[in-house]
N, C-alpha and C. Protein backbone atom coordinates (compact mmCIF):
# COMPACT_ATOMS: atom_id res chain seq x y z
N MET A 1 92.70 150.32 54.26
CA MET A 1 93.83 151.11 53.87
C MET A 1 95.08 150.70 54.63
N ILE A 2 94.95 150.58 55.95
CA ILE A 2 96.11 150.21 56.75
C ILE A 2 96.54 148.77 56.47
N TRP A 3 95.56 147.91 56.17
CA TRP A 3 95.89 146.51 55.91
C TRP A 3 96.71 146.36 54.64
N SER A 4 96.43 147.15 53.67
CA SER A 4 97.20 147.07 52.43
C SER A 4 98.65 147.50 52.67
N ARG A 5 98.87 148.46 53.55
CA ARG A 5 100.24 148.87 53.87
C ARG A 5 100.97 147.78 54.66
N ILE A 6 100.27 147.11 55.58
CA ILE A 6 100.88 146.04 56.35
C ILE A 6 101.25 144.87 55.44
N VAL A 7 100.36 144.51 54.55
CA VAL A 7 100.63 143.42 53.60
C VAL A 7 101.79 143.79 52.69
N ALA A 8 101.83 145.01 52.21
CA ALA A 8 102.93 145.45 51.34
C ALA A 8 104.26 145.41 52.10
N TRP A 9 104.24 145.77 53.39
CA TRP A 9 105.47 145.76 54.18
C TRP A 9 105.96 144.32 54.41
N VAL A 10 105.02 143.40 54.68
CA VAL A 10 105.40 142.00 54.92
C VAL A 10 105.91 141.35 53.65
N ILE A 11 105.31 141.68 52.53
CA ILE A 11 105.73 141.09 51.27
C ILE A 11 107.02 141.72 50.76
N GLY A 12 107.32 142.91 51.18
CA GLY A 12 108.50 143.64 50.72
C GLY A 12 109.80 142.99 51.17
N PRO A 13 110.94 143.58 50.82
CA PRO A 13 112.24 143.00 51.11
C PRO A 13 112.56 142.92 52.62
N ILE A 14 112.16 143.91 53.36
CA ILE A 14 112.43 143.89 54.81
C ILE A 14 111.57 142.81 55.48
N GLY A 15 110.33 142.73 55.11
CA GLY A 15 109.43 141.73 55.69
C GLY A 15 109.88 140.31 55.40
N SER A 16 110.40 140.07 54.22
CA SER A 16 110.85 138.71 53.89
C SER A 16 112.07 138.32 54.73
N LYS A 17 112.95 139.29 55.00
CA LYS A 17 114.12 139.00 55.84
C LYS A 17 113.70 138.74 57.29
N ILE A 18 112.74 139.50 57.76
CA ILE A 18 112.24 139.28 59.11
C ILE A 18 111.54 137.92 59.19
N ALA A 19 110.79 137.57 58.17
CA ALA A 19 110.11 136.27 58.15
C ALA A 19 111.13 135.13 58.12
N ALA A 20 112.21 135.29 57.36
CA ALA A 20 113.25 134.25 57.31
C ALA A 20 113.93 134.11 58.67
N ALA A 21 114.21 135.22 59.32
CA ALA A 21 114.83 135.17 60.65
C ALA A 21 113.89 134.52 61.66
N ALA A 22 112.62 134.89 61.60
CA ALA A 22 111.64 134.29 62.51
C ALA A 22 111.52 132.79 62.25
N GLY A 23 111.55 132.39 61.00
CA GLY A 23 111.50 130.96 60.66
C GLY A 23 112.72 130.22 61.20
N ALA A 24 113.89 130.84 61.13
CA ALA A 24 115.11 130.22 61.65
C ALA A 24 115.02 130.06 63.17
N VAL A 25 114.50 131.08 63.85
CA VAL A 25 114.35 131.00 65.30
C VAL A 25 113.37 129.90 65.67
N VAL A 26 112.28 129.81 64.95
CA VAL A 26 111.29 128.76 65.22
C VAL A 26 111.91 127.38 64.99
N ALA A 27 112.71 127.23 63.93
CA ALA A 27 113.34 125.94 63.65
C ALA A 27 114.32 125.56 64.76
N VAL A 28 115.12 126.51 65.24
CA VAL A 28 116.07 126.23 66.31
C VAL A 28 115.34 125.86 67.59
N LEU A 29 114.29 126.58 67.93
CA LEU A 29 113.52 126.27 69.13
C LEU A 29 112.84 124.91 69.03
N ALA A 30 112.36 124.55 67.85
CA ALA A 30 111.74 123.24 67.66
C ALA A 30 112.77 122.13 67.84
N PHE A 31 113.97 122.32 67.29
CA PHE A 31 115.05 121.34 67.45
C PHE A 31 115.44 121.20 68.91
N TYR A 32 115.56 122.32 69.61
CA TYR A 32 115.91 122.30 71.03
C TYR A 32 114.85 121.57 71.85
N GLY A 33 113.59 121.86 71.58
CA GLY A 33 112.50 121.21 72.30
C GLY A 33 112.48 119.71 72.07
N LYS A 34 112.71 119.29 70.84
CA LYS A 34 112.73 117.85 70.52
C LYS A 34 113.89 117.16 71.22
N ALA A 35 115.06 117.77 71.19
CA ALA A 35 116.23 117.17 71.85
C ALA A 35 116.01 117.09 73.35
N ARG A 36 115.39 118.10 73.92
CA ARG A 36 115.12 118.09 75.36
C ARG A 36 114.13 116.99 75.74
N ARG A 37 113.06 116.84 74.95
CA ARG A 37 112.09 115.78 75.20
C ARG A 37 112.73 114.40 75.07
N ASP A 38 113.55 114.21 74.03
CA ASP A 38 114.20 112.92 73.83
C ASP A 38 115.14 112.59 74.99
N GLY A 39 115.88 113.58 75.47
CA GLY A 39 116.78 113.36 76.60
C GLY A 39 116.02 113.02 77.87
N ARG A 40 114.92 113.70 78.10
CA ARG A 40 114.10 113.42 79.29
C ARG A 40 113.51 112.01 79.21
N ASN A 41 113.05 111.61 78.04
CA ASN A 41 112.48 110.27 77.88
C ASN A 41 113.55 109.20 78.04
N ALA A 42 114.75 109.44 77.52
CA ALA A 42 115.83 108.47 77.66
C ALA A 42 116.21 108.31 79.13
N GLU A 43 116.25 109.40 79.87
CA GLU A 43 116.57 109.34 81.30
C GLU A 43 115.49 108.58 82.06
N ARG A 44 114.23 108.79 81.70
CA ARG A 44 113.12 108.11 82.35
C ARG A 44 113.18 106.61 82.08
N VAL A 45 113.47 106.23 80.85
CA VAL A 45 113.57 104.80 80.50
C VAL A 45 114.72 104.15 81.26
N GLU A 46 115.85 104.85 81.37
CA GLU A 46 116.99 104.30 82.10
C GLU A 46 116.67 104.15 83.59
N ARG A 47 115.98 105.13 84.17
CA ARG A 47 115.60 105.05 85.58
C ARG A 47 114.63 103.91 85.83
N GLN A 48 113.68 103.72 84.91
CA GLN A 48 112.71 102.63 85.07
C GLN A 48 113.40 101.27 84.94
N ALA A 49 114.37 101.15 84.05
CA ALA A 49 115.10 99.89 83.91
C ALA A 49 115.88 99.60 85.18
N ASP A 50 116.48 100.62 85.78
CA ASP A 50 117.21 100.44 87.02
C ASP A 50 116.28 100.01 88.15
N GLU A 51 115.12 100.64 88.26
CA GLU A 51 114.15 100.28 89.30
C GLU A 51 113.64 98.86 89.09
N LEU A 52 113.38 98.48 87.85
CA LEU A 52 112.93 97.12 87.56
C LEU A 52 113.99 96.10 87.94
N GLY A 53 115.25 96.42 87.67
CA GLY A 53 116.33 95.51 88.05
C GLY A 53 116.43 95.35 89.56
N ARG A 54 116.25 96.45 90.30
CA ARG A 54 116.29 96.36 91.76
C ARG A 54 115.13 95.53 92.30
N VAL A 55 113.95 95.71 91.72
CA VAL A 55 112.79 94.92 92.15
C VAL A 55 113.01 93.45 91.83
N ARG A 56 113.54 93.17 90.66
CA ARG A 56 113.81 91.78 90.26
C ARG A 56 114.83 91.14 91.20
N ASP A 57 115.87 91.89 91.56
CA ASP A 57 116.87 91.36 92.50
C ASP A 57 116.26 91.09 93.87
N ALA A 58 115.37 91.98 94.32
CA ALA A 58 114.72 91.78 95.62
C ALA A 58 113.82 90.55 95.61
N VAL A 59 113.09 90.36 94.52
CA VAL A 59 112.22 89.18 94.41
C VAL A 59 113.05 87.92 94.37
N ASN A 60 114.14 87.94 93.63
CA ASN A 60 115.00 86.75 93.57
C ASN A 60 115.62 86.46 94.94
N ALA A 61 116.02 87.49 95.67
CA ALA A 61 116.58 87.28 97.00
C ALA A 61 115.52 86.70 97.93
N GLY A 62 114.30 87.16 97.83
CA GLY A 62 113.22 86.61 98.66
C GLY A 62 112.90 85.18 98.31
N ASP A 63 113.03 84.82 97.05
CA ASP A 63 112.75 83.44 96.63
C ASP A 63 113.84 82.48 97.10
N ARG A 64 115.05 82.97 97.36
CA ARG A 64 116.14 82.10 97.79
C ARG A 64 116.11 81.81 99.29
N VAL A 65 115.24 82.46 100.03
CA VAL A 65 115.15 82.23 101.47
C VAL A 65 114.57 80.84 101.72
N ASP A 66 115.19 80.13 102.64
CA ASP A 66 114.70 78.79 102.98
C ASP A 66 113.49 78.92 103.89
N LYS A 67 112.34 78.46 103.42
CA LYS A 67 111.09 78.62 104.16
C LYS A 67 110.52 77.28 104.64
N GLN A 68 111.33 76.28 104.72
CA GLN A 68 110.82 74.97 105.12
C GLN A 68 110.54 74.95 106.63
N PRO A 69 109.38 74.48 107.05
CA PRO A 69 109.04 74.50 108.48
C PRO A 69 109.85 73.51 109.31
N ASP A 70 110.39 72.44 108.73
CA ASP A 70 111.14 71.47 109.51
C ASP A 70 112.48 72.01 110.00
N ARG A 71 112.98 73.07 109.41
CA ARG A 71 114.25 73.67 109.83
C ARG A 71 114.03 74.82 110.81
N LEU A 72 112.81 75.04 111.23
CA LEU A 72 112.49 76.18 112.08
C LEU A 72 113.15 76.08 113.45
N ARG A 73 113.25 74.87 114.00
CA ARG A 73 113.79 74.68 115.35
C ARG A 73 115.28 74.34 115.36
N GLU A 74 115.95 74.35 114.25
CA GLU A 74 117.38 74.04 114.22
C GLU A 74 118.17 75.14 114.92
N PRO A 75 119.19 74.79 115.68
CA PRO A 75 119.99 75.81 116.35
C PRO A 75 120.84 76.58 115.34
N ASP A 76 121.03 77.83 115.63
CA ASP A 76 121.89 78.64 114.79
C ASP A 76 122.91 79.35 115.67
N LYS A 77 123.67 80.24 115.15
CA LYS A 77 124.76 80.88 115.90
C LYS A 77 124.24 81.97 116.85
N TYR A 78 122.99 82.30 116.81
CA TYR A 78 122.43 83.36 117.66
C TYR A 78 121.77 82.71 118.89
N LEU A 79 122.13 83.17 120.06
CA LEU A 79 121.57 82.63 121.31
C LEU A 79 120.36 83.44 121.71
N ARG A 80 119.27 82.73 122.00
CA ARG A 80 118.05 83.38 122.44
C ARG A 80 117.53 82.68 123.67
N ASP A 81 116.80 83.40 124.50
CA ASP A 81 116.19 82.77 125.70
C ASP A 81 114.84 82.23 125.36
């Protein structure tokens, strides 16, 4: 008995307006969630690209160091005992 009244209320004019409003709220929240996820992912990709560039620069700087053993005893501008 009570279920028939609930179904009649939902199908009626007031229930359809409430359902439309609820659908609009759900659509707005879904759009907001998607935009937030996309922004977070874009920020993460940008941060990873920056970190990769810093690592690449560090590796390149390490590769440019002269590591030849014959230059080990050459004098430089620093005085040591």
